[in-house]
Protein backbone atom coordinates (compact mmCIF):
# COMPACT_ATOMS: atom_id res chain seq x y z
CA MET A 1 105.66 78.02 123.14
CA ASN A 2 107.94 79.55 120.49
CA THR A 3 107.98 78.96 116.72
CA ILE A 4 110.17 75.86 116.97
CA GLY A 5 107.91 74.35 119.60
CA LYS A 6 104.83 74.89 117.47
CA MET A 7 106.14 73.42 114.22
CA GLY A 8 105.34 69.75 114.76
CA ILE A 9 101.92 70.41 116.30
CA HIS A 10 101.03 72.89 113.56
CA HIS A 11 101.99 70.41 110.84
CA LEU A 12 99.88 67.65 112.37
CA ARG A 13 96.88 69.94 112.69
CA LYS A 14 97.21 70.80 108.99
CA LEU A 15 97.13 67.10 108.15
CA ASN A 16 94.09 66.53 110.35
CA ALA A 17 92.35 69.54 108.83
CA SER A 18 92.94 68.05 105.39
CA ASN A 19 91.10 64.89 106.49
CA VAL A 20 94.17 62.72 106.09
CA PRO A 21 93.28 59.28 107.55
CA LYS A 22 94.77 58.78 111.01
CA ASP A 23 96.11 55.34 110.13
CA LEU A 24 98.02 56.87 107.23
CA ILE A 25 99.55 59.48 109.54
CA GLU A 26 100.47 56.79 112.07
CA LYS A 27 102.09 54.60 109.42
CA GLY A 28 104.16 57.56 108.26
CA GLN A 29 105.19 58.34 111.82
CA ASN A 30 106.21 54.73 112.38
CA ARG A 31 108.42 54.80 109.28
CA VAL A 32 110.16 57.96 110.46
CA ILE A 33 110.61 56.51 113.96
CA GLU A 34 112.10 53.30 112.60
CA ALA A 35 114.43 55.21 110.27
CA SER A 36 115.58 57.36 113.19
CA LEU A 37 116.28 54.35 115.40
CA THR A 38 117.99 52.50 112.54
CA LEU A 39 120.44 55.37 112.11
CA ILE A 40 121.35 55.33 115.81
CA ARG A 41 121.49 51.52 115.84
CA GLU A 42 123.85 51.27 112.87
CA ARG A 43 126.12 54.08 114.06
CA ALA A 44 126.39 52.49 117.51
CA LYS A 45 126.99 49.07 115.97
CA LEU A 46 129.81 50.42 113.82
CA LYS A 47 131.51 52.14 116.77
CA GLY A 48 131.05 49.12 119.01
CA GLU A 49 132.54 46.77 116.41
CA LEU A 50 135.54 49.08 116.00
CA LEU A 51 136.26 49.18 119.73
CA ARG A 52 135.82 45.44 120.19
CA ALA A 53 138.25 44.86 117.32
CA MET A 54 140.79 47.20 118.93
CA GLY A 55 140.44 45.40 122.26
CA GLY A 56 141.42 46.42 125.77
CA VAL A 57 138.44 48.70 126.36
CA VAL A 58 136.19 48.20 129.38
CA ALA A 59 134.00 51.26 128.79
CA SER A 60 134.00 54.09 126.28
CA ALA A 61 131.92 57.26 126.41
CA SER A 62 129.76 57.69 123.33
CA LEU A 63 128.12 61.02 122.52
CA LEU A 64 124.40 60.98 121.73
CA GLY A 65 122.74 64.30 120.98
CA VAL A 66 119.15 64.96 121.99
CA PRO A 67 118.34 68.45 120.61
CA LEU A 68 115.07 68.92 122.48
CA GLY A 69 114.02 72.32 123.79
CA HIS A 70 110.23 72.52 123.73
CA ASN A 71 109.82 71.31 127.33
CA SER A 72 111.63 74.39 128.62
CA SER A 73 109.46 76.69 130.70
CA PHE A 74 111.20 79.87 129.52
CA LEU A 75 113.44 79.63 126.43
CA GLN A 76 113.82 76.80 123.90
CA GLY A 77 117.41 77.58 122.87
CA PRO A 78 118.89 74.36 124.35
CA ALA A 79 117.53 72.57 121.26
CA PHE A 80 120.46 74.10 119.37
CA ALA A 81 123.14 73.00 121.84
CA PRO A 82 124.49 69.60 120.66
CA PRO A 83 126.24 70.83 117.48
CA ARG A 84 127.66 73.83 119.33
CA ILE A 85 129.09 71.58 122.05
CA ARG A 86 130.65 69.26 119.47
CA GLU A 87 132.16 72.24 117.65
CA ALA A 88 133.69 73.46 120.91
CA ILE A 89 135.08 70.01 121.78
CA TRP A 90 137.00 69.85 118.52
CA CYS A 91 137.57 73.56 117.77
CA GLY A 92 141.36 73.39 118.11
CA SER A 93 141.74 76.23 120.58
CA THR A 94 142.83 73.71 123.19
CA ASN A 95 144.30 70.23 123.04
CA SER A 96 142.24 67.06 123.06
CA THR A 97 143.44 65.77 126.42
CA THR A 98 141.39 65.80 129.62
CA GLU A 99 142.90 67.05 132.87
CA GLU A 100 143.42 63.43 133.91
CA GLY A 101 145.34 62.67 130.72
CA ARG A 102 142.75 60.92 128.54
CA ASP A 103 143.07 61.72 124.82
CA LEU A 104 139.68 62.31 123.23
CA ASN A 105 141.14 61.60 119.78
CA ASP A 106 141.43 57.98 120.84
CA PRO A 107 138.15 56.20 119.89
CA ARG A 108 138.66 53.94 122.88
CA VAL A 109 138.01 57.05 125.00
CA LEU A 110 135.28 58.86 123.05
CA THR A 111 133.02 58.03 120.11
CA ASP A 112 129.95 59.74 118.66
CA VAL A 113 126.74 58.15 117.38
CA GLY A 114 125.04 61.38 116.28
CA ASP A 115 121.69 62.91 117.22
CA VAL A 116 118.17 61.71 117.79
CA PRO A 117 116.29 63.73 115.10
CA ILE A 118 113.89 65.39 117.50
CA GLN A 119 112.53 68.12 115.23
CA GLU A 120 111.97 65.74 112.33
CA LEU A 121 109.97 63.48 114.62
CA ARG A 122 107.91 66.38 115.93
CA ASP A 123 107.30 67.60 112.38
CA CYS A 124 105.54 64.28 111.82
CA GLY A 125 103.30 64.89 114.82
CA VAL A 126 105.02 62.46 117.18
CA ASP A 127 103.80 63.39 120.68
CA ASP A 128 105.90 63.57 123.83
CA ASP A 129 104.88 60.15 125.15
CA ARG A 130 106.29 58.49 122.04
CA LEU A 131 109.20 60.93 121.84
CA MET A 132 110.34 60.00 125.34
CA ASN A 133 110.15 56.32 124.37
CA ILE A 134 112.25 57.00 121.25
CA ILE A 135 114.91 58.74 123.35
CA SER A 136 114.95 55.79 125.77
CA GLU A 137 115.20 53.31 122.93
CA SER A 138 118.06 55.27 121.35
CA VAL A 139 120.01 55.15 124.62
CA LYS A 140 119.42 51.39 124.89
CA LEU A 141 120.70 50.91 121.34
CA VAL A 142 123.96 52.58 122.35
CA MET A 143 124.22 50.45 125.48
CA GLU A 144 123.68 47.24 123.51
CA GLN A 145 127.01 47.79 121.81
CA GLU A 146 129.66 47.02 124.39
CA PRO A 147 131.78 48.80 125.48
CA LEU A 148 129.82 51.97 124.62
CA ARG A 149 128.33 54.02 127.45
CA PRO A 150 126.03 56.95 126.63
CA LEU A 151 127.10 60.52 127.28
CA VAL A 152 124.10 62.57 126.23
CA LEU A 153 124.19 66.14 124.94
CA GLY A 154 121.02 68.09 125.66
CA GLY A 155 118.72 69.72 125.05
CA ASP A 156 116.70 70.80 128.02
CA HIS A 157 116.62 68.83 131.26
CA SER A 158 113.48 66.91 130.33
CA ILE A 159 115.74 64.49 128.46
CA SER A 160 117.23 63.15 131.69
CA PHE A 161 114.06 61.21 132.49
CA PRO A 162 114.03 59.00 129.37
CA VAL A 163 117.82 58.63 129.47
CA VAL A 164 117.97 57.54 133.12
CA ARG A 165 114.96 55.28 132.58
CA ALA A 166 116.75 53.56 129.70
CA VAL A 167 120.00 53.17 131.66
CA SER A 168 118.21 51.70 134.67
CA GLU A 169 116.07 49.34 132.60
CA LYS A 170 118.99 48.19 130.47
CA LEU A 171 121.21 47.53 133.50
CA GLY A 172 118.38 45.85 135.40
CA GLY A 173 118.13 48.06 138.45
CA PRO A 174 118.40 51.56 139.92
CA VAL A 175 121.45 53.79 139.83
CA ASP A 176 122.77 56.51 142.10
CA ILE A 177 122.46 59.96 140.55
CA LEU A 178 124.67 62.98 141.06
CA HIS A 179 122.66 65.97 139.80
CA LEU A 180 124.42 69.35 139.52
CA ASP A 181 121.90 72.16 139.02
CA ALA A 182 120.65 75.52 140.26
CA HIS A 183 117.16 73.98 140.44
CA PRO A 184 115.90 70.64 141.80
CA ASP A 185 113.67 69.98 138.72
CA ILE A 186 111.34 67.90 140.84
CA TYR A 187 107.96 69.60 140.46
CA HIS A 188 105.17 67.08 140.12
CA SER A 189 103.98 68.63 136.85
CA PHE A 190 105.32 72.11 136.18
CA GLU A 191 102.73 74.32 134.46
CA GLY A 192 100.71 71.19 133.76
CA ASN A 193 103.48 69.50 131.76
CA LYS A 194 104.53 66.17 133.23
CA TYR A 195 107.56 66.17 130.90
CA SER A 196 108.66 69.70 131.79
CA HIS A 197 112.37 70.21 132.28
CA ALA A 198 111.38 71.25 135.81
CA SER A 199 109.75 67.85 136.47
CA SER A 200 112.28 65.36 135.12
CA PHE A 201 113.52 64.11 138.48
CA ALA A 202 109.99 63.61 139.79
CA ARG A 203 109.46 61.16 136.90
CA ILE A 204 112.80 59.47 137.63
CA MET A 205 112.06 59.00 141.33
CA GLU A 206 108.46 57.88 140.73
CA GLY A 207 109.75 55.22 138.36
CA GLY A 208 112.20 53.82 140.90
CA TYR A 209 115.13 54.40 138.55
CA ALA A 210 117.34 55.92 141.25
CA ARG A 211 118.26 54.67 144.71
CA ARG A 212 119.99 57.88 145.76
CA LEU A 213 119.60 61.31 144.21
CA LEU A 214 122.10 63.96 145.29
CA GLN A 215 121.29 67.47 144.07
CA VAL A 216 124.20 69.92 144.32
CA GLY A 217 124.34 73.64 143.55
CA ILE A 218 120.70 74.34 144.39
CA ARG A 219 119.88 78.00 144.89
CA SER A 220 116.43 78.41 143.34
CA ILE A 221 114.00 76.14 145.16
CA THR A 222 110.37 76.56 146.14
CA LYS A 223 108.30 75.04 148.91
CA GLU A 224 107.14 72.33 146.51
CA GLY A 225 110.75 71.60 145.58
CA ARG A 226 111.64 70.97 149.20
CA GLU A 227 108.48 68.95 149.86
CA GLN A 228 109.07 66.79 146.81
CA GLY A 229 112.67 66.33 147.91
CA LYS A 230 111.51 65.05 151.30
CA ARG A 231 108.86 62.85 149.68
CA PHE A 232 111.45 61.06 147.54
CA GLY A 233 114.30 61.12 150.06
CA VAL A 234 116.45 63.38 147.92
CA GLU A 235 119.73 64.69 149.35
CA GLN A 236 119.58 68.40 148.47
CA TYR A 237 122.73 70.48 148.95
CA GLU A 238 122.00 74.18 148.61
CA MET A 239 124.59 76.81 147.77
CA ARG A 240 123.86 78.70 150.98
CA THR A 241 125.54 75.84 152.88
CA PHE A 242 128.15 74.88 150.28
CA SER A 243 131.12 75.98 152.36
CA ARG A 244 129.94 73.63 155.10
CA ASP A 245 129.22 70.77 152.68
CA ARG A 246 132.30 71.17 150.46
CA HIS A 247 134.44 68.43 152.02
CA LEU A 248 131.62 65.88 151.77
CA LEU A 249 130.77 66.80 148.18
CA GLU A 250 134.39 66.71 147.06
CA ASN A 251 134.81 63.19 148.47
CA LEU A 252 131.69 61.37 147.29
CA LYS A 253 131.53 57.60 147.00
CA LEU A 254 128.46 56.39 145.11
CA GLY A 255 127.08 53.35 143.36
CA GLU A 256 127.84 50.54 145.82
CA GLY A 257 125.01 48.01 145.83
CA VAL A 258 123.35 49.41 142.71
CA LYS A 259 124.05 49.30 138.97
CA GLY A 260 126.36 52.30 138.91
CA VAL A 261 126.41 56.08 138.94
CA TYR A 262 124.68 58.51 136.59
CA ILE A 263 125.85 62.14 136.43
CA SER A 264 123.55 64.88 135.20
CA VAL A 265 125.11 68.33 134.76
CA ASP A 266 122.85 71.29 134.13
CA VAL A 267 125.17 74.06 132.95
CA ASP A 268 123.31 76.54 135.16
CA CYS A 269 124.74 74.82 138.23
CA LEU A 270 127.63 77.15 137.54
CA ASP A 271 127.58 80.77 138.56
CA PRO A 272 126.69 82.82 135.45
CA ALA A 273 130.12 84.48 135.68
CA PHE A 274 131.45 81.14 134.38
CA ALA A 275 128.53 80.16 132.12
CA PRO A 276 126.30 83.03 130.97
CA GLY A 277 124.78 81.07 128.08
CA VAL A 278 121.86 79.49 129.94
CA SER A 279 118.13 80.13 129.92
CA HIS A 280 117.76 80.56 133.67
CA ILE A 281 120.47 82.82 135.07
CA GLU A 282 120.85 82.24 138.82
CA PRO A 283 123.68 84.17 140.55
CA GLY A 284 125.54 82.61 143.44
CA GLY A 285 126.43 79.27 141.87
CA LEU A 286 129.37 76.88 141.78
CA SER A 287 132.69 77.86 140.29
CA PHE A 288 133.98 75.73 137.44
CA ARG A 289 136.74 74.38 139.65
CA ASP A 290 134.16 73.47 142.31
CA VAL A 291 132.40 71.32 139.72
CA LEU A 292 135.62 69.71 138.53
CA ASN A 293 136.68 68.92 142.09
CA ILE A 294 133.34 67.19 142.70
CA LEU A 295 133.52 65.21 139.45
CA GLN A 296 137.20 64.32 139.54
CA ASN A 297 137.15 63.15 143.17
CA LEU A 298 133.96 61.09 142.83
CA LYS A 299 134.49 57.41 143.52
CA GLY A 300 132.13 55.08 141.67
CA ASP A 301 131.41 53.31 138.40
CA VAL A 302 129.96 56.05 136.17
CA VAL A 303 127.77 54.24 133.65
CA ALA A 304 126.25 57.24 131.82
CA GLY A 305 125.69 60.97 132.04
CA ASP A 306 124.33 64.09 130.42
CA VAL A 307 125.18 67.76 129.95
CA VAL A 308 122.05 69.86 129.51
CA GLU A 309 120.53 73.36 129.39
CA PHE A 310 123.31 75.13 127.49
CA ASN A 311 121.51 77.79 125.44
CA PRO A 312 123.63 78.99 122.49
CA GLN A 313 121.18 81.84 121.85
CA ARG A 314 122.27 83.45 125.14
CA ASP A 315 125.96 82.68 124.92
CA THR A 316 128.44 85.54 125.04
CA VAL A 317 132.15 86.26 124.62
CA ASP A 318 132.60 84.26 121.42
CA GLY A 319 131.19 80.94 122.59
CA MET A 320 132.42 81.01 126.18
CA THR A 321 129.64 78.80 127.55
CA ALA A 322 130.01 76.37 124.65
CA MET A 323 133.61 75.85 125.74
CA VAL A 324 132.46 75.39 129.33
CA ALA A 325 129.96 72.73 128.22
CA ALA A 326 132.62 71.08 126.09
CA LYS A 327 135.03 70.83 129.03
CA LEU A 328 132.27 69.35 131.17
CA VAL A 329 131.82 66.71 128.47
CA ARG A 330 135.57 66.08 128.44
CA GLU A 331 135.70 65.54 132.19
CA LEU A 332 132.62 63.30 132.18
CA THR A 333 134.29 61.30 129.42
CA ALA A 334 137.26 60.76 131.73
CA LYS A 335 134.90 59.41 134.43
CA ILE A 336 133.09 57.04 132.06
CA SER A 337 135.87 55.63 129.88
CA LYS A 338 138.10 52.85 131.22
């Protein structure tokens, strides 16, 4: 665990060592949690009121940052990703229109409710059980404000569990998930951490939050990854057979009979030639156009999504991967907003 990952735990230990009463610590944590949720609640309420007043919007993507990196098994840099992605979205080096013609400057297409203050919560000693609940609650607060639909900026992939859980619980049933990644992230408890970024989809499937889970771009998978995939009935599409599977994957139809479709994009699904700024560099991945073809041709009601595992600390060529992540966000926005 790096310095960032140790900060919250270290601070709590200092309080305990000073014999600060536990109930006093808990009351302080509760105040910080409530303040954090209030900020998300009021931002979402403001954006929702604006869109309802404008009218004519069925669904609008709303950015929610979750700058969490301490559940990474290698590097914690994804904690710094949300502001870098936002900067790239609005940097001015390209126009604000998606390939399908949606203008991101239009609040009916894209809004932003800010970040869950992960580090501030951890500085108060909030543990991962409560932190995952706070993330879920933040997502639900966004969803309460029609027509907002959450588009979450990670952070490491551990955030997908509380986000998908919130979406499923709020909608009242499971969703179909399209998961683009070099790794299946379905270990039972990677390195003893049930909330590891390598275990997020095990938690999702155990909870019954997904009916179908399609994992695309896989090229780093262990025996346990395959066994867990079989256990949960996961449809795993590995890169070694991508040429054979391409037509199917570029003509997906998901979400019928369930509450909608959730899309989770780990930036390392892409070959590192397209996205070098990731913690786990796995050659032999998808091209950017492969990913866009899959996303743009997908048929289904996309109710939420995330873009995760961009690591600004490993980015190169003047923010190249930040721009890649930003375009992924743009194209997911086009799938969500109606």
